[in-house]
N, C-alpha and C. Protein backbone atom coordinates (compact mmCIF):
# COMPACT_ATOMS: atom_id res chain seq x y z
N MET A 1 -3.25 5.82 -12.03
CA MET A 1 -2.36 5.46 -13.11
C MET A 1 -3.13 4.63 -14.13
N PRO A 2 -3.01 4.97 -15.38
CA PRO A 2 -3.71 4.22 -16.42
C PRO A 2 -2.92 2.98 -16.85
N PHE A 3 -3.66 1.98 -17.32
CA PHE A 3 -3.02 0.83 -17.95
C PHE A 3 -3.99 0.25 -18.97
N SER A 4 -3.45 -0.57 -19.87
CA SER A 4 -4.27 -1.21 -20.88
C SER A 4 -3.80 -2.64 -21.11
N PRO A 5 -4.73 -3.61 -21.04
CA PRO A 5 -4.36 -4.99 -21.34
C PRO A 5 -4.34 -5.28 -22.85
N ASP A 6 -4.86 -4.33 -23.66
CA ASP A 6 -4.94 -4.59 -25.10
C ASP A 6 -4.33 -3.47 -25.94
N ASN A 7 -3.40 -2.74 -25.35
CA ASN A 7 -2.64 -1.68 -26.04
C ASN A 7 -3.48 -0.49 -26.48
N THR A 8 -4.59 -0.25 -25.82
CA THR A 8 -5.39 0.94 -26.08
C THR A 8 -4.58 2.15 -25.60
N PRO A 9 -4.56 3.25 -26.36
CA PRO A 9 -3.84 4.45 -25.90
C PRO A 9 -4.37 4.92 -24.55
N LEU A 10 -3.46 5.45 -23.74
CA LEU A 10 -3.78 5.84 -22.38
C LEU A 10 -3.86 7.35 -22.23
N ASP A 11 -4.74 7.81 -21.36
CA ASP A 11 -4.77 9.21 -20.92
C ASP A 11 -4.02 9.27 -19.61
N GLN A 12 -2.99 10.11 -19.54
CA GLN A 12 -2.21 10.24 -18.32
C GLN A 12 -2.94 11.15 -17.32
N PRO A 13 -2.75 10.92 -16.02
CA PRO A 13 -3.42 11.75 -15.02
C PRO A 13 -2.91 13.19 -15.06
N GLU A 14 -3.82 14.11 -14.85
CA GLU A 14 -3.47 15.52 -14.81
C GLU A 14 -3.24 15.96 -13.38
N ALA A 15 -2.49 17.01 -13.20
CA ALA A 15 -2.31 17.61 -11.88
C ALA A 15 -3.34 18.71 -11.71
N PRO A 16 -3.87 18.94 -10.53
CA PRO A 16 -3.54 18.21 -9.30
C PRO A 16 -4.19 16.84 -9.29
N ASN A 17 -3.56 15.94 -8.55
CA ASN A 17 -4.07 14.59 -8.37
C ASN A 17 -3.70 14.14 -6.96
N ALA A 18 -4.05 12.93 -6.60
CA ALA A 18 -3.80 12.46 -5.24
C ALA A 18 -2.33 12.56 -4.87
N GLN A 19 -1.45 12.20 -5.79
CA GLN A 19 -0.01 12.25 -5.49
C GLN A 19 0.45 13.67 -5.21
N THR A 20 0.10 14.60 -6.08
CA THR A 20 0.55 15.98 -5.87
C THR A 20 -0.05 16.56 -4.59
N GLN A 21 -1.29 16.19 -4.28
CA GLN A 21 -1.95 16.75 -3.10
C GLN A 21 -1.41 16.16 -1.80
N ILE A 22 -1.08 14.87 -1.78
CA ILE A 22 -0.48 14.29 -0.58
C ILE A 22 0.83 15.00 -0.27
N ILE A 23 1.64 15.21 -1.28
CA ILE A 23 2.92 15.89 -1.08
C ILE A 23 2.71 17.32 -0.60
N MET A 24 1.77 18.04 -1.21
CA MET A 24 1.49 19.41 -0.81
C MET A 24 0.98 19.47 0.62
N LEU A 25 0.05 18.59 0.99
CA LEU A 25 -0.50 18.58 2.33
C LEU A 25 0.55 18.18 3.37
N ARG A 26 1.36 17.19 3.05
CA ARG A 26 2.45 16.78 3.95
C ARG A 26 3.40 17.94 4.21
N ASP A 27 3.76 18.63 3.14
CA ASP A 27 4.67 19.77 3.30
C ASP A 27 4.02 20.88 4.12
N ALA A 28 2.74 21.09 3.94
CA ALA A 28 2.04 22.15 4.67
C ALA A 28 2.01 21.85 6.17
N ILE A 29 1.71 20.60 6.54
CA ILE A 29 1.65 20.32 7.97
C ILE A 29 3.03 20.27 8.60
N SER A 30 4.07 20.11 7.78
CA SER A 30 5.45 20.13 8.28
C SER A 30 5.96 21.54 8.53
N SER A 31 5.33 22.51 7.92
CA SER A 31 5.81 23.88 7.98
C SER A 31 5.41 24.57 9.29
N PRO A 32 6.37 25.17 9.97
CA PRO A 32 6.02 25.91 11.19
C PRO A 32 5.17 27.14 10.91
N SER A 33 5.16 27.59 9.67
CA SER A 33 4.37 28.79 9.34
C SER A 33 2.90 28.47 9.02
N THR A 34 2.56 27.18 8.93
CA THR A 34 1.17 26.81 8.67
C THR A 34 0.39 26.86 9.99
N SER A 35 -0.76 27.54 9.97
CA SER A 35 -1.56 27.67 11.19
C SER A 35 -2.13 26.31 11.61
N ASP A 36 -2.44 26.18 12.89
CA ASP A 36 -3.02 24.95 13.40
C ASP A 36 -4.37 24.65 12.75
N ASP A 37 -5.14 25.70 12.45
CA ASP A 37 -6.43 25.50 11.78
C ASP A 37 -6.23 24.84 10.41
N VAL A 38 -5.27 25.34 9.66
CA VAL A 38 -4.98 24.78 8.34
C VAL A 38 -4.43 23.37 8.48
N LYS A 39 -3.55 23.17 9.44
CA LYS A 39 -2.99 21.83 9.64
C LYS A 39 -4.08 20.82 9.96
N SER A 40 -5.05 21.18 10.79
CA SER A 40 -6.11 20.23 11.14
C SER A 40 -6.93 19.87 9.91
N TYR A 41 -7.18 20.83 9.05
CA TYR A 41 -7.89 20.59 7.80
C TYR A 41 -7.05 19.68 6.89
N ASP A 42 -5.76 19.99 6.79
CA ASP A 42 -4.87 19.23 5.92
C ASP A 42 -4.70 17.79 6.40
N VAL A 43 -4.66 17.57 7.71
CA VAL A 43 -4.52 16.21 8.24
C VAL A 43 -5.74 15.37 7.84
N ALA A 44 -6.92 15.95 7.92
CA ALA A 44 -8.12 15.21 7.53
C ALA A 44 -8.03 14.77 6.07
N TRP A 45 -7.56 15.66 5.22
CA TRP A 45 -7.41 15.30 3.80
C TRP A 45 -6.30 14.28 3.59
N LEU A 46 -5.21 14.39 4.35
CA LEU A 46 -4.14 13.40 4.24
C LEU A 46 -4.65 12.00 4.60
N ILE A 47 -5.41 11.91 5.67
CA ILE A 47 -5.97 10.61 6.06
C ILE A 47 -6.77 10.02 4.90
N HIS A 48 -7.61 10.84 4.31
CA HIS A 48 -8.46 10.39 3.20
C HIS A 48 -7.61 9.97 1.99
N LEU A 49 -6.71 10.83 1.57
CA LEU A 49 -5.95 10.56 0.34
C LEU A 49 -4.97 9.42 0.49
N VAL A 50 -4.32 9.29 1.65
CA VAL A 50 -3.40 8.17 1.84
C VAL A 50 -4.19 6.86 1.78
N GLY A 51 -5.36 6.83 2.38
CA GLY A 51 -6.21 5.64 2.26
C GLY A 51 -6.59 5.37 0.82
N ASP A 52 -7.00 6.41 0.12
CA ASP A 52 -7.40 6.25 -1.28
C ASP A 52 -6.30 5.64 -2.14
N VAL A 53 -5.09 6.15 -2.06
CA VAL A 53 -4.05 5.66 -2.97
C VAL A 53 -3.61 4.23 -2.65
N HIS A 54 -4.02 3.72 -1.49
CA HIS A 54 -3.71 2.33 -1.17
C HIS A 54 -4.83 1.38 -1.59
N GLN A 55 -5.99 1.90 -1.98
CA GLN A 55 -7.09 1.07 -2.49
C GLN A 55 -6.87 0.95 -4.00
N PRO A 56 -6.61 -0.26 -4.49
CA PRO A 56 -6.20 -0.41 -5.90
C PRO A 56 -7.11 0.29 -6.92
N MET A 57 -8.41 0.26 -6.71
CA MET A 57 -9.30 0.86 -7.70
C MET A 57 -9.29 2.38 -7.66
N GLN A 58 -8.78 2.96 -6.57
CA GLN A 58 -8.67 4.41 -6.48
C GLN A 58 -7.43 4.91 -7.24
N ALA A 59 -6.52 4.00 -7.53
CA ALA A 59 -5.22 4.41 -8.07
C ALA A 59 -5.06 4.11 -9.55
N THR A 60 -6.13 3.68 -10.23
CA THR A 60 -5.96 3.28 -11.62
C THR A 60 -7.23 3.49 -12.44
N SER A 61 -7.04 3.42 -13.73
CA SER A 61 -8.14 3.32 -14.68
C SER A 61 -7.67 2.42 -15.81
N ARG A 62 -8.51 1.46 -16.17
CA ARG A 62 -8.17 0.52 -17.23
C ARG A 62 -8.74 1.02 -18.55
N PHE A 63 -7.89 1.09 -19.56
CA PHE A 63 -8.28 1.51 -20.91
C PHE A 63 -8.31 0.29 -21.81
N THR A 64 -9.44 0.12 -22.52
CA THR A 64 -9.58 -1.01 -23.44
C THR A 64 -10.20 -0.52 -24.75
N GLN A 65 -10.22 -1.39 -25.73
CA GLN A 65 -10.81 -1.04 -27.03
C GLN A 65 -12.28 -0.65 -26.87
N SER A 66 -12.97 -1.24 -25.88
CA SER A 66 -14.38 -0.90 -25.67
C SER A 66 -14.57 0.24 -24.67
N GLN A 67 -13.51 0.61 -23.97
CA GLN A 67 -13.56 1.72 -23.01
C GLN A 67 -12.33 2.61 -23.24
N THR A 68 -12.36 3.32 -24.35
CA THR A 68 -11.19 4.09 -24.78
C THR A 68 -10.92 5.31 -23.92
N SER A 69 -11.87 5.71 -23.09
CA SER A 69 -11.65 6.81 -22.15
C SER A 69 -11.36 6.30 -20.75
N GLY A 70 -11.16 5.01 -20.62
CA GLY A 70 -10.90 4.40 -19.32
C GLY A 70 -12.19 3.98 -18.64
N ASP A 71 -12.04 3.21 -17.57
CA ASP A 71 -13.21 2.69 -16.87
C ASP A 71 -13.46 3.41 -15.54
N ARG A 72 -12.79 4.53 -15.34
CA ARG A 72 -12.96 5.35 -14.13
C ARG A 72 -12.73 4.53 -12.86
N GLY A 73 -11.59 3.83 -12.84
CA GLY A 73 -11.24 3.07 -11.65
C GLY A 73 -12.19 1.93 -11.35
N GLY A 74 -12.73 1.32 -12.38
CA GLY A 74 -13.66 0.21 -12.20
C GLY A 74 -15.10 0.63 -11.99
N ASN A 75 -15.38 1.93 -11.98
CA ASN A 75 -16.77 2.38 -11.82
C ASN A 75 -17.62 2.01 -13.03
N ASP A 76 -17.00 1.81 -14.19
CA ASP A 76 -17.73 1.46 -15.40
C ASP A 76 -17.65 -0.04 -15.71
N VAL A 77 -17.22 -0.83 -14.73
CA VAL A 77 -17.18 -2.29 -14.87
C VAL A 77 -18.19 -2.86 -13.89
N LYS A 78 -19.14 -3.61 -14.40
CA LYS A 78 -20.21 -4.18 -13.56
C LYS A 78 -19.89 -5.63 -13.21
N ILE A 79 -20.30 -5.99 -11.99
CA ILE A 79 -20.05 -7.35 -11.50
C ILE A 79 -21.34 -7.96 -10.99
N CYS A 80 -21.31 -9.28 -10.82
CA CYS A 80 -22.40 -10.04 -10.23
C CYS A 80 -21.85 -10.74 -9.00
N THR A 81 -22.46 -10.45 -7.85
CA THR A 81 -21.95 -11.02 -6.60
C THR A 81 -23.01 -11.13 -5.53
N PRO A 82 -24.07 -11.90 -5.55
CA PRO A 82 -24.53 -12.69 -6.69
C PRO A 82 -25.40 -11.88 -7.65
N SER A 83 -26.07 -10.80 -7.18
CA SER A 83 -26.87 -10.03 -8.13
C SER A 83 -25.95 -9.14 -8.97
N CYS A 84 -26.41 -8.77 -10.14
CA CYS A 84 -25.60 -8.01 -11.08
C CYS A 84 -25.91 -6.52 -11.00
N GLY A 85 -24.92 -5.72 -11.34
CA GLY A 85 -25.12 -4.29 -11.45
C GLY A 85 -24.19 -3.45 -10.58
N LYS A 86 -23.57 -4.05 -9.56
CA LYS A 86 -22.65 -3.31 -8.71
C LYS A 86 -21.37 -3.02 -9.48
N ALA A 87 -20.78 -1.87 -9.22
CA ALA A 87 -19.51 -1.51 -9.86
C ALA A 87 -18.36 -2.23 -9.19
N LEU A 88 -17.38 -2.63 -9.97
CA LEU A 88 -16.18 -3.26 -9.44
C LEU A 88 -15.50 -2.35 -8.41
N HIS A 89 -15.48 -1.06 -8.68
CA HIS A 89 -14.89 -0.10 -7.75
C HIS A 89 -15.60 -0.18 -6.39
N ALA A 90 -16.91 -0.20 -6.39
CA ALA A 90 -17.67 -0.26 -5.14
C ALA A 90 -17.40 -1.55 -4.39
N TYR A 91 -17.22 -2.64 -5.12
CA TYR A 91 -16.90 -3.91 -4.48
C TYR A 91 -15.60 -3.76 -3.68
N TRP A 92 -14.60 -3.15 -4.28
CA TRP A 92 -13.33 -2.97 -3.60
C TRP A 92 -13.44 -1.96 -2.46
N ASP A 93 -14.26 -0.93 -2.61
CA ASP A 93 -14.48 0.01 -1.51
C ASP A 93 -15.06 -0.72 -0.30
N ASP A 94 -15.89 -1.73 -0.54
CA ASP A 94 -16.58 -2.45 0.52
C ASP A 94 -15.86 -3.73 0.96
N ALA A 95 -14.67 -3.99 0.44
CA ALA A 95 -14.00 -5.27 0.67
C ALA A 95 -13.74 -5.57 2.14
N LEU A 96 -13.60 -4.56 2.96
CA LEU A 96 -13.35 -4.77 4.39
C LEU A 96 -14.60 -4.60 5.24
N GLY A 97 -15.73 -4.41 4.58
CA GLY A 97 -16.99 -4.29 5.31
C GLY A 97 -17.68 -2.97 5.04
N THR A 98 -18.95 -2.92 5.42
CA THR A 98 -19.75 -1.73 5.17
C THR A 98 -20.43 -1.18 6.41
N SER A 99 -20.18 -1.80 7.55
CA SER A 99 -20.83 -1.35 8.78
C SER A 99 -20.33 0.03 9.18
N ASN A 100 -21.21 0.83 9.75
CA ASN A 100 -20.79 2.14 10.27
C ASN A 100 -20.68 2.11 11.79
N LYS A 101 -20.65 0.92 12.37
CA LYS A 101 -20.56 0.76 13.82
C LYS A 101 -19.09 0.69 14.24
N PRO A 102 -18.68 1.51 15.19
CA PRO A 102 -17.28 1.50 15.64
C PRO A 102 -16.81 0.12 16.13
N GLU A 103 -17.66 -0.61 16.82
CA GLU A 103 -17.26 -1.92 17.33
C GLU A 103 -16.94 -2.88 16.18
N THR A 104 -17.72 -2.83 15.13
CA THR A 104 -17.45 -3.68 13.96
C THR A 104 -16.12 -3.29 13.33
N ALA A 105 -15.87 -2.00 13.23
CA ALA A 105 -14.59 -1.54 12.68
C ALA A 105 -13.42 -2.03 13.54
N ARG A 106 -13.56 -1.97 14.86
CA ARG A 106 -12.49 -2.46 15.74
C ARG A 106 -12.27 -3.95 15.56
N GLN A 107 -13.35 -4.71 15.46
CA GLN A 107 -13.23 -6.15 15.27
C GLN A 107 -12.54 -6.46 13.93
N ASN A 108 -12.96 -5.76 12.88
CA ASN A 108 -12.36 -5.98 11.57
C ASN A 108 -10.88 -5.60 11.58
N ALA A 109 -10.56 -4.50 12.24
CA ALA A 109 -9.16 -4.06 12.32
C ALA A 109 -8.31 -5.11 13.03
N GLY A 110 -8.90 -5.78 14.01
CA GLY A 110 -8.17 -6.81 14.74
C GLY A 110 -7.83 -8.02 13.89
N SER A 111 -8.51 -8.19 12.77
CA SER A 111 -8.23 -9.33 11.89
C SER A 111 -7.17 -9.01 10.84
N ILE A 112 -6.65 -7.80 10.87
CA ILE A 112 -5.64 -7.39 9.89
C ILE A 112 -4.25 -7.51 10.50
N SER A 113 -3.39 -8.25 9.82
CA SER A 113 -2.01 -8.40 10.29
C SER A 113 -1.26 -7.10 10.11
N PRO A 114 -0.30 -6.84 11.00
CA PRO A 114 0.50 -5.61 10.85
C PRO A 114 1.22 -5.59 9.50
N ALA A 115 1.45 -4.39 9.02
CA ALA A 115 2.16 -4.22 7.74
C ALA A 115 3.62 -4.65 7.88
N ASP A 116 4.15 -5.15 6.79
CA ASP A 116 5.58 -5.44 6.71
C ASP A 116 6.34 -4.13 6.96
N GLN A 117 7.25 -4.14 7.92
CA GLN A 117 7.93 -2.90 8.32
C GLN A 117 8.82 -2.32 7.23
N THR A 118 9.38 -3.16 6.39
CA THR A 118 10.19 -2.65 5.29
C THR A 118 9.31 -1.88 4.32
N LEU A 119 8.16 -2.44 3.98
CA LEU A 119 7.24 -1.75 3.08
C LEU A 119 6.62 -0.52 3.76
N ALA A 120 6.33 -0.64 5.06
CA ALA A 120 5.72 0.47 5.79
C ALA A 120 6.64 1.68 5.85
N SER A 121 7.93 1.47 5.75
CA SER A 121 8.88 2.59 5.84
C SER A 121 9.03 3.35 4.52
N VAL A 122 8.42 2.85 3.46
CA VAL A 122 8.50 3.52 2.15
C VAL A 122 7.69 4.81 2.23
N THR A 123 8.33 5.94 1.93
CA THR A 123 7.67 7.24 2.03
C THR A 123 7.36 7.86 0.67
N ASP A 124 7.79 7.22 -0.40
CA ASP A 124 7.58 7.77 -1.74
C ASP A 124 6.14 7.51 -2.21
N VAL A 125 5.38 8.59 -2.38
CA VAL A 125 3.97 8.48 -2.74
C VAL A 125 3.79 7.79 -4.09
N ALA A 126 4.68 8.06 -5.03
CA ALA A 126 4.59 7.41 -6.34
C ALA A 126 4.71 5.89 -6.20
N THR A 127 5.54 5.43 -5.29
CA THR A 127 5.68 3.99 -5.05
C THR A 127 4.38 3.42 -4.51
N TRP A 128 3.73 4.13 -3.58
CA TRP A 128 2.45 3.67 -3.05
C TRP A 128 1.44 3.47 -4.18
N ILE A 129 1.38 4.47 -5.07
CA ILE A 129 0.42 4.43 -6.17
C ILE A 129 0.76 3.31 -7.14
N ASN A 130 2.04 3.13 -7.43
CA ASN A 130 2.44 2.05 -8.34
C ASN A 130 2.15 0.68 -7.75
N GLU A 131 2.30 0.54 -6.43
CA GLU A 131 1.92 -0.73 -5.79
C GLU A 131 0.42 -1.00 -5.97
N SER A 132 -0.39 0.03 -5.82
CA SER A 132 -1.84 -0.14 -6.00
C SER A 132 -2.16 -0.45 -7.45
N LEU A 133 -1.46 0.17 -8.38
CA LEU A 133 -1.64 -0.16 -9.80
C LEU A 133 -1.36 -1.64 -10.04
N GLU A 134 -0.27 -2.14 -9.48
CA GLU A 134 0.06 -3.56 -9.66
C GLU A 134 -0.99 -4.46 -9.01
N ALA A 135 -1.49 -4.06 -7.83
CA ALA A 135 -2.55 -4.83 -7.17
C ALA A 135 -3.82 -4.82 -8.02
N ALA A 136 -4.10 -3.69 -8.65
CA ALA A 136 -5.27 -3.62 -9.53
C ALA A 136 -5.09 -4.56 -10.72
N LYS A 137 -3.95 -4.48 -11.36
CA LYS A 137 -3.73 -5.33 -12.55
C LYS A 137 -3.71 -6.81 -12.20
N ASN A 138 -3.08 -7.15 -11.06
CA ASN A 138 -2.88 -8.56 -10.72
C ASN A 138 -4.04 -9.19 -9.96
N THR A 139 -4.84 -8.39 -9.27
CA THR A 139 -5.92 -8.95 -8.46
C THR A 139 -7.28 -8.38 -8.83
N ALA A 140 -7.42 -7.06 -8.79
CA ALA A 140 -8.74 -6.47 -9.02
C ALA A 140 -9.26 -6.75 -10.43
N TYR A 141 -8.37 -6.69 -11.42
CA TYR A 141 -8.77 -6.95 -12.80
C TYR A 141 -8.35 -8.36 -13.26
N ALA A 142 -8.14 -9.27 -12.31
CA ALA A 142 -7.67 -10.61 -12.64
C ALA A 142 -8.64 -11.30 -13.60
N ASP A 143 -8.09 -11.89 -14.64
CA ASP A 143 -8.88 -12.60 -15.65
C ASP A 143 -8.52 -14.07 -15.58
N PRO A 144 -9.45 -14.98 -15.25
CA PRO A 144 -10.83 -14.70 -14.87
C PRO A 144 -10.90 -14.22 -13.42
N PRO A 145 -11.95 -13.70 -12.97
CA PRO A 145 -13.25 -13.58 -13.61
C PRO A 145 -13.45 -12.26 -14.35
N ILE A 146 -12.58 -11.26 -14.12
CA ILE A 146 -12.80 -9.95 -14.74
C ILE A 146 -12.18 -9.96 -16.12
N GLY A 147 -13.00 -9.94 -17.14
CA GLY A 147 -12.51 -9.91 -18.50
C GLY A 147 -12.36 -8.47 -18.99
N VAL A 148 -11.97 -8.35 -20.23
CA VAL A 148 -11.84 -7.03 -20.85
C VAL A 148 -13.24 -6.52 -21.16
N GLY A 149 -13.49 -5.27 -20.84
CA GLY A 149 -14.80 -4.68 -21.13
C GLY A 149 -15.54 -4.32 -19.87
N ALA A 150 -16.82 -4.03 -20.04
CA ALA A 150 -17.65 -3.50 -18.96
C ALA A 150 -18.41 -4.57 -18.18
N GLY A 151 -18.35 -5.82 -18.61
CA GLY A 151 -19.05 -6.88 -17.89
C GLY A 151 -20.53 -6.91 -18.22
N PRO A 152 -21.34 -7.51 -17.39
CA PRO A 152 -21.05 -7.89 -16.01
C PRO A 152 -20.25 -9.19 -15.92
N PHE A 153 -19.41 -9.25 -14.87
CA PHE A 153 -18.57 -10.40 -14.61
C PHE A 153 -18.98 -11.01 -13.27
N THR A 154 -19.00 -12.32 -13.21
CA THR A 154 -19.38 -13.01 -11.98
C THR A 154 -18.13 -13.31 -11.17
N LEU A 155 -18.10 -12.82 -9.94
CA LEU A 155 -16.95 -13.02 -9.07
C LEU A 155 -16.96 -14.44 -8.51
N THR A 156 -15.79 -15.06 -8.49
CA THR A 156 -15.63 -16.40 -7.93
C THR A 156 -15.26 -16.28 -6.45
N SER A 157 -15.39 -17.38 -5.73
CA SER A 157 -14.99 -17.37 -4.32
C SER A 157 -13.48 -17.12 -4.19
N GLY A 158 -12.70 -17.64 -5.12
CA GLY A 158 -11.25 -17.40 -5.11
C GLY A 158 -10.93 -15.92 -5.30
N TYR A 159 -11.67 -15.27 -6.19
CA TYR A 159 -11.47 -13.83 -6.41
C TYR A 159 -11.80 -13.07 -5.13
N LYS A 160 -12.92 -13.40 -4.51
CA LYS A 160 -13.35 -12.69 -3.30
C LYS A 160 -12.33 -12.85 -2.17
N THR A 161 -11.78 -14.05 -2.02
CA THR A 161 -10.76 -14.29 -0.99
C THR A 161 -9.51 -13.47 -1.28
N ALA A 162 -9.06 -13.49 -2.54
CA ALA A 162 -7.86 -12.72 -2.91
C ALA A 162 -8.09 -11.23 -2.71
N ALA A 163 -9.28 -10.74 -3.07
CA ALA A 163 -9.59 -9.32 -2.91
C ALA A 163 -9.54 -8.92 -1.44
N LYS A 164 -10.12 -9.73 -0.59
CA LYS A 164 -10.10 -9.41 0.84
C LYS A 164 -8.68 -9.41 1.39
N ASP A 165 -7.88 -10.39 0.98
CA ASP A 165 -6.48 -10.44 1.42
C ASP A 165 -5.71 -9.20 0.99
N VAL A 166 -5.86 -8.82 -0.27
CA VAL A 166 -5.16 -7.63 -0.77
C VAL A 166 -5.68 -6.38 -0.06
N ALA A 167 -6.99 -6.29 0.14
CA ALA A 167 -7.55 -5.12 0.83
C ALA A 167 -6.99 -5.01 2.24
N LYS A 168 -6.85 -6.11 2.94
CA LYS A 168 -6.28 -6.09 4.29
C LYS A 168 -4.81 -5.64 4.25
N GLN A 169 -4.05 -6.18 3.33
CA GLN A 169 -2.64 -5.80 3.21
C GLN A 169 -2.48 -4.31 2.90
N ARG A 170 -3.30 -3.83 1.97
CA ARG A 170 -3.20 -2.42 1.57
C ARG A 170 -3.65 -1.51 2.70
N ALA A 171 -4.69 -1.91 3.46
CA ALA A 171 -5.15 -1.10 4.59
C ALA A 171 -4.08 -1.03 5.67
N ALA A 172 -3.43 -2.16 5.94
CA ALA A 172 -2.36 -2.16 6.95
C ALA A 172 -1.22 -1.25 6.53
N LEU A 173 -0.85 -1.31 5.26
CA LEU A 173 0.21 -0.43 4.76
C LEU A 173 -0.20 1.03 4.82
N ALA A 174 -1.44 1.31 4.44
CA ALA A 174 -1.92 2.70 4.48
C ALA A 174 -1.84 3.25 5.89
N GLY A 175 -2.29 2.48 6.87
CA GLY A 175 -2.25 2.94 8.25
C GLY A 175 -0.83 3.16 8.75
N ALA A 176 0.05 2.22 8.48
CA ALA A 176 1.44 2.35 8.93
C ALA A 176 2.14 3.52 8.23
N ARG A 177 1.90 3.66 6.95
CA ARG A 177 2.54 4.76 6.21
C ARG A 177 1.98 6.11 6.63
N LEU A 178 0.68 6.18 6.88
CA LEU A 178 0.08 7.42 7.35
C LEU A 178 0.68 7.80 8.71
N ALA A 179 0.81 6.84 9.60
CA ALA A 179 1.40 7.11 10.91
C ALA A 179 2.82 7.65 10.76
N LYS A 180 3.61 7.03 9.89
CA LYS A 180 4.98 7.50 9.67
C LYS A 180 4.98 8.89 9.07
N LEU A 181 4.12 9.12 8.09
CA LEU A 181 4.04 10.44 7.46
C LEU A 181 3.72 11.51 8.51
N LEU A 182 2.72 11.25 9.35
CA LEU A 182 2.34 12.23 10.37
C LEU A 182 3.43 12.41 11.41
N ASN A 183 4.04 11.32 11.86
CA ASN A 183 5.12 11.44 12.84
C ASN A 183 6.29 12.24 12.28
N ASP A 184 6.66 11.95 11.04
CA ASP A 184 7.77 12.67 10.41
C ASP A 184 7.43 14.15 10.22
N ALA A 185 6.21 14.42 9.81
CA ALA A 185 5.81 15.80 9.50
C ALA A 185 5.62 16.65 10.74
N LEU A 186 5.18 16.04 11.83
CA LEU A 186 4.80 16.83 13.01
C LEU A 186 5.86 16.83 14.11
N HIS A 187 6.97 16.17 13.89
CA HIS A 187 8.04 16.16 14.90
C HIS A 187 9.26 16.88 14.43
């Protein structure tokens, strides 16, 4: 979803997009006429896309006077943490860690509180995306330290703490919502 802090005209997302594809894949795995081979392929994509739409930078692009075509979900915004040059989007992708070790993933998952059950029961994909848009506007693009433009911007310790907290909350919601989606679709 596009947004602008300075009233720059927005380009709306085209279809197909994550929202249309999650709905299509959900419907496909729900259908008794879909083969198990196709369902297994579709489930893999559902896992990926549901996770994506819960990561704030995957769900938005910021349009500004200096970035009139958008910032590609923060890929065109550079940060310093402490060295400069990393994309804001990549920072958010890595907010919960970068290890490829299963034990590290299990330990990190153990530090995430369960999702609020009222929020976890929300099945509307547009709502998920709009929540991520709000998280992007309120946390990922928080000014300070992220100003208007391409940066580079230096991240503060307060920003890093808030980013990690939001990333944990969004990951918990993504997992709970994915589980509900799969249970509803496959039962």
